[in-house]
Protein backbone atom coordinates (compact mmCIF):
# COMPACT_ATOMS: atom_id res chain seq x y z
CA MET A 1 -24.27 -1.69 23.38
CA ILE A 2 -25.54 1.02 21.06
CA ASN A 3 -28.75 2.73 22.15
CA ALA A 4 -31.74 3.30 19.89
CA SER A 5 -30.95 6.94 19.19
CA ARG A 6 -27.40 6.06 18.16
CA VAL A 7 -28.72 3.38 15.80
CA ALA A 8 -31.13 5.87 14.25
CA ALA A 9 -28.36 8.42 13.80
CA VAL A 10 -26.11 5.84 12.16
CA THR A 11 -28.90 4.80 9.83
CA ALA A 12 -29.57 8.38 8.78
CA THR A 13 -25.88 8.97 8.12
CA LEU A 14 -25.61 5.76 6.10
CA LEU A 15 -28.57 6.65 3.94
CA LEU A 16 -27.00 10.02 3.15
CA THR A 17 -23.69 8.35 2.31
CA ALA A 18 -25.46 5.77 0.21
CA ALA A 19 -27.34 8.41 -1.74
CA CYS A 20 -24.02 9.97 -2.74
CA ALA A 21 -22.66 6.57 -3.77
CA ASP A 22 -25.77 5.82 -5.82
CA GLN A 23 -25.30 9.03 -7.79
CA SER A 24 -21.99 7.72 -9.13
CA THR A 25 -23.48 4.39 -10.20
CA THR A 26 -24.89 4.25 -13.70
CA SER A 27 -27.34 1.40 -13.14
CA ALA A 28 -29.57 0.22 -10.34
CA THR A 29 -30.54 -3.19 -9.03
CA SER A 30 -34.10 -3.94 -8.04
CA PRO A 31 -34.64 -5.72 -4.70
CA GLY A 32 -34.07 -9.43 -5.05
CA ALA A 33 -32.20 -9.28 -8.34
CA PRO A 34 -29.51 -11.99 -8.58
CA ALA A 35 -25.86 -11.04 -8.44
CA ALA A 36 -23.66 -11.21 -11.50
CA PRO A 37 -21.93 -14.62 -11.81
CA GLY A 38 -18.52 -13.04 -11.21
CA VAL A 39 -19.59 -11.91 -7.74
CA SER A 40 -21.97 -14.71 -6.82
CA LYS A 41 -20.07 -15.69 -3.63
CA VAL A 42 -17.82 -13.31 -1.69
CA LEU A 43 -15.38 -14.53 0.95
CA PHE A 44 -14.03 -11.85 3.28
CA LEU A 45 -10.71 -12.34 5.08
CA GLY A 46 -9.05 -10.21 7.74
CA ASP A 47 -8.66 -9.59 11.45
CA SER A 48 -11.04 -8.26 14.11
CA VAL A 49 -11.29 -4.93 12.27
CA ALA A 50 -12.64 -6.81 9.26
CA ALA A 51 -14.91 -8.87 11.52
CA GLY A 52 -16.68 -5.68 12.55
CA GLU A 53 -16.97 -4.45 8.98
CA ALA A 54 -18.33 -7.85 7.97
CA ILE A 55 -21.53 -7.14 9.91
CA ALA A 56 -22.45 -4.33 7.56
CA LEU A 57 -21.08 -6.14 4.52
CA ARG A 58 -23.24 -9.19 5.20
CA ALA A 59 -26.37 -7.04 5.26
CA ALA A 60 -25.34 -5.25 2.09
CA PHE A 61 -24.40 -8.32 0.07
CA GLU A 62 -27.35 -10.41 1.18
CA ALA A 63 -29.73 -7.58 0.29
CA GLY A 64 -28.52 -8.01 -3.29
CA LYS A 65 -28.83 -11.80 -3.15
CA THR A 66 -25.05 -12.24 -3.15
CA GLU A 67 -23.69 -14.99 -0.95
CA PHE A 68 -21.29 -13.69 1.68
CA GLN A 69 -19.04 -15.46 4.16
CA SER A 70 -16.53 -13.97 6.56
CA LEU A 71 -13.47 -15.77 7.90
CA ALA A 72 -12.19 -12.62 9.60
CA ALA A 73 -10.76 -13.59 12.97
CA ASP A 74 -10.15 -11.84 16.26
CA GLY A 75 -6.45 -11.67 17.08
CA GLY A 76 -5.38 -13.06 13.74
CA GLY A 77 -6.82 -13.71 10.31
CA ASN A 78 -3.53 -12.69 8.73
CA VAL A 79 -1.50 -14.51 6.08
CA VAL A 80 1.87 -13.05 7.11
CA GLY A 81 3.30 -12.23 10.52
CA PRO A 82 2.37 -13.73 13.91
CA PHE A 83 -0.32 -16.45 13.89
CA SER A 84 -0.11 -16.76 10.11
CA GLU A 85 1.58 -20.15 10.25
CA GLU A 86 -1.37 -21.55 12.19
CA ASN A 87 -3.82 -19.80 9.88
CA TRP A 88 -2.24 -21.31 6.78
CA LYS A 89 -2.79 -24.82 8.18
CA LYS A 90 -6.54 -24.40 7.72
CA LEU A 91 -7.02 -21.49 5.31
CA PRO A 92 -6.66 -23.36 1.97
CA ASP A 93 -9.28 -25.92 3.00
CA GLN A 94 -11.58 -23.19 4.30
CA ILE A 95 -11.30 -21.30 1.02
CA ALA A 96 -11.95 -24.43 -1.03
CA ALA A 97 -14.99 -25.31 1.10
CA ALA A 98 -16.44 -21.80 0.72
CA LYS A 99 -16.32 -22.00 -3.10
CA PRO A 100 -16.03 -18.23 -3.55
CA THR A 101 -15.92 -16.40 -6.84
CA VAL A 102 -14.35 -13.34 -5.19
CA ILE A 103 -12.02 -13.29 -2.17
CA ILE A 104 -11.48 -9.97 -0.42
CA TYR A 105 -8.49 -9.75 1.89
CA GLN A 106 -8.35 -6.63 4.01
CA LEU A 107 -4.76 -6.17 5.13
CA THR A 108 -4.59 -6.76 8.86
CA THR A 109 -3.01 -5.11 11.88
CA PHE A 110 -0.86 -8.26 12.16
CA ASP A 111 0.64 -8.22 8.66
CA TRP A 112 4.11 -7.81 10.11
CA GLY A 113 7.32 -8.81 8.38
CA SER A 114 9.72 -7.71 5.69
CA ARG A 115 8.49 -6.49 2.32
CA GLN A 116 9.69 -9.81 0.89
CA ASP A 117 7.76 -11.81 3.51
CA GLN A 118 4.60 -9.83 2.87
CA GLN A 119 4.84 -10.12 -0.88
CA ALA A 120 5.47 -13.86 -0.69
CA ALA A 121 2.44 -14.37 1.57
CA TYR A 122 0.16 -12.27 -0.59
CA GLY A 123 1.38 -14.21 -3.61
CA LYS A 124 0.59 -17.45 -1.81
CA LEU A 125 -2.92 -16.20 -1.11
CA LEU A 126 -3.33 -15.29 -4.78
CA GLY A 127 -2.22 -18.77 -5.77
CA THR A 128 -4.74 -20.29 -3.37
CA ALA A 129 -7.52 -18.10 -4.78
CA THR A 130 -6.58 -18.95 -8.36
CA THR A 131 -6.67 -22.66 -7.56
CA VAL A 132 -10.34 -22.45 -6.60
CA GLY A 133 -11.18 -20.19 -9.54
CA ALA A 134 -11.68 -17.01 -7.50
CA ARG A 135 -10.54 -13.45 -8.13
CA LEU A 136 -8.60 -11.87 -5.26
CA VAL A 137 -9.11 -8.28 -4.15
CA PHE A 138 -6.73 -6.71 -1.63
CA VAL A 139 -8.07 -3.81 0.43
CA THR A 140 -6.04 -1.52 2.66
CA MET A 141 -7.00 -1.50 6.32
CA PRO A 142 -8.25 1.57 8.21
CA PRO A 143 -5.38 3.58 9.70
CA ILE A 144 -4.94 2.90 13.39
CA LYS A 145 -3.80 4.83 16.42
CA PRO A 146 -0.96 2.50 17.45
CA ASP A 147 -0.49 1.66 21.10
CA GLU A 148 2.60 0.07 22.67
CA PHE A 149 1.69 -3.27 21.10
CA TYR A 150 1.57 -1.94 17.54
CA GLN A 151 4.12 0.87 17.74
CA PRO A 152 7.15 -1.33 16.93
CA HIS A 153 5.44 -2.56 13.76
CA THR A 154 4.12 0.64 12.21
CA ALA A 155 6.78 0.66 9.49
CA GLU A 156 5.89 -2.90 8.52
CA LEU A 157 2.19 -2.05 8.37
CA ASP A 158 2.94 1.04 6.29
CA GLN A 159 4.79 -1.00 3.66
CA ALA A 160 2.21 -3.80 3.43
CA PRO A 161 -0.02 -2.03 0.87
CA ASN A 162 2.89 -1.68 -1.55
CA ALA A 163 3.65 -5.39 -1.18
CA ALA A 164 0.04 -6.29 -1.96
CA ARG A 165 -0.06 -3.77 -4.80
CA ALA A 166 2.99 -5.40 -6.38
CA VAL A 167 1.36 -8.84 -6.27
CA ALA A 168 -1.85 -7.53 -7.81
CA ALA A 169 0.07 -5.67 -10.53
CA GLN A 170 1.82 -8.87 -11.58
CA SER A 171 -1.49 -10.68 -12.11
CA PRO A 172 -4.09 -8.11 -13.19
CA ALA A 173 -6.43 -10.77 -14.54
CA GLN A 174 -6.58 -12.56 -11.20
CA ALA A 175 -6.07 -9.81 -8.61
CA ALA A 176 -6.81 -6.18 -7.83
CA MET A 177 -5.81 -3.69 -5.16
CA LEU A 178 -8.21 -1.18 -3.59
CA ASP A 179 -7.01 1.76 -1.53
CA ALA A 180 -9.58 2.69 1.12
CA ASP A 181 -8.06 6.08 1.91
CA SER A 182 -11.12 7.72 0.42
CA VAL A 183 -13.15 6.09 3.19
CA TRP A 184 -10.86 6.52 6.18
CA GLY A 185 -8.39 9.24 5.30
CA SER A 186 -4.67 8.83 5.86
CA SER A 187 -4.80 8.85 9.67
CA TYR A 188 -7.07 7.59 12.43
CA GLN A 189 -10.11 9.80 12.90
CA GLN A 190 -12.57 8.80 15.60
CA ILE A 191 -15.32 11.34 14.89
CA ARG A 192 -16.60 12.12 11.41
CA ASP A 193 -19.53 14.40 10.63
CA GLY A 194 -20.06 14.79 14.35
CA LYS A 195 -20.63 11.07 14.96
CA PRO A 196 -18.40 8.14 16.06
CA ASP A 197 -16.81 6.59 12.98
CA ARG A 198 -14.05 4.60 14.64
CA SER A 199 -13.83 2.96 18.04
CA SER A 200 -12.17 4.86 20.86
CA ASP A 201 -9.68 1.95 21.10
CA GLY A 202 -7.94 3.42 18.05
CA ILE A 203 -8.29 0.23 16.02
CA HIS A 204 -11.83 -0.89 15.23
CA THR A 205 -14.79 0.68 13.45
CA CYS A 206 -18.15 1.94 14.64
CA PRO A 207 -21.39 1.26 12.74
CA GLN A 208 -21.12 4.52 10.82
CA GLY A 209 -17.61 3.63 9.63
CA ALA A 210 -18.60 0.05 8.80
CA ALA A 211 -21.57 1.36 6.81
CA ARG A 212 -19.49 3.86 4.86
CA PHE A 213 -16.92 1.17 4.12
CA ALA A 214 -19.57 -1.28 2.92
CA SER A 215 -21.14 1.30 0.62
CA TRP A 216 -17.73 2.21 -0.81
CA LEU A 217 -16.54 -1.39 -1.23
CA LEU A 218 -19.64 -2.53 -3.07
CA HIS A 219 -19.35 0.43 -5.42
CA GLU A 220 -15.70 -0.46 -6.09
CA LEU A 221 -16.65 -4.07 -6.83
CA ALA A 222 -19.23 -2.81 -9.30
CA GLU A 223 -16.39 -1.00 -11.06
CA LEU A 224 -14.20 -4.11 -11.06
CA PHE A 225 -16.92 -6.53 -12.12
CA PRO A 226 -19.21 -5.14 -14.84
CA GLY A 227 -22.64 -6.64 -14.41
CA PHE A 228 -22.53 -6.55 -10.63
CA THR A 229 -24.65 -3.78 -9.17
CA PRO A 230 -25.11 -3.54 -5.40
CA ALA A 231 -28.53 -3.48 -3.83
CA SER A 232 -29.69 -0.03 -2.84
CA PRO A 233 -28.47 0.81 0.68
CA GLN A 234 -32.01 1.88 1.52
CA ILE A 235 -32.72 -1.85 1.59
CA TRP A 236 -29.99 -2.89 4.01
CA ALA A 237 -29.20 0.22 6.07
CA ASN A 238 -31.91 -0.14 8.69
CA THR A 239 -32.03 -3.88 9.33
CA GLY A 240 -30.71 -3.91 12.90
CA TRP A 241 -27.07 -4.85 12.28
CA SER A 242 -25.77 -1.54 13.70
CA GLY A 243 -26.84 -2.63 17.18
CA ASP A 244 -24.46 -5.59 17.22
CA ASN A 245 -22.52 -6.02 20.48
CA ARG A 246 -19.24 -6.20 18.55
CA PHE A 247 -19.31 -2.44 18.10
CA LYS A 248 -17.63 -1.04 21.20
CA GLY A 249 -16.10 2.32 22.07
CA CYS A 250 -18.68 4.07 19.91
């Protein structure tokens, strides 16, 4: 559990990050303004890393009156690799029921398999998104500090972004690829600006990291979808989400 002083520090860091992000945005949204139709309902997919990020994303999207739903799942949430077969049994119906206009799939720590397997799965996800009339946005996952469980699969995880990038490049009107290196860097970094950014487990994010990611992602969506402008982070930064029990090792 994060103590009050940690929450305050995270909030202050987020507001500073958000101010920088706002400087690169040409327009501003007043509190309560409706989202652009192209981003009226966002569905977020991924594993437990994404589930932690979804806490900040929910606050950020809802502050701008954009519907947000997360299907990120602990120990899974992937469309290729282990558990994906079970996930695909329910995922199409879940996507259809959510009625999203934008689907964001953050590549997961379980996206194991050959380049061909990955590309086929990402293509299947794109087809599913297109069927419900949604745009698909792939996002690279934060770099991890692999333990014995992940070590045998690092090469597969390293090639996954290129597989997703190839799928997006083939259908630019329906899909896009976002590289989050500008948020996380190219390797796992637990402390940033003197504060915990990533969990000590080497995998998950801390509130500061989740906040920085949310601010970055919404700015990127504003670039992809003209007419969508995120709510000011001053509105959603200090709403209590950073004290969620999911954030551990921070």
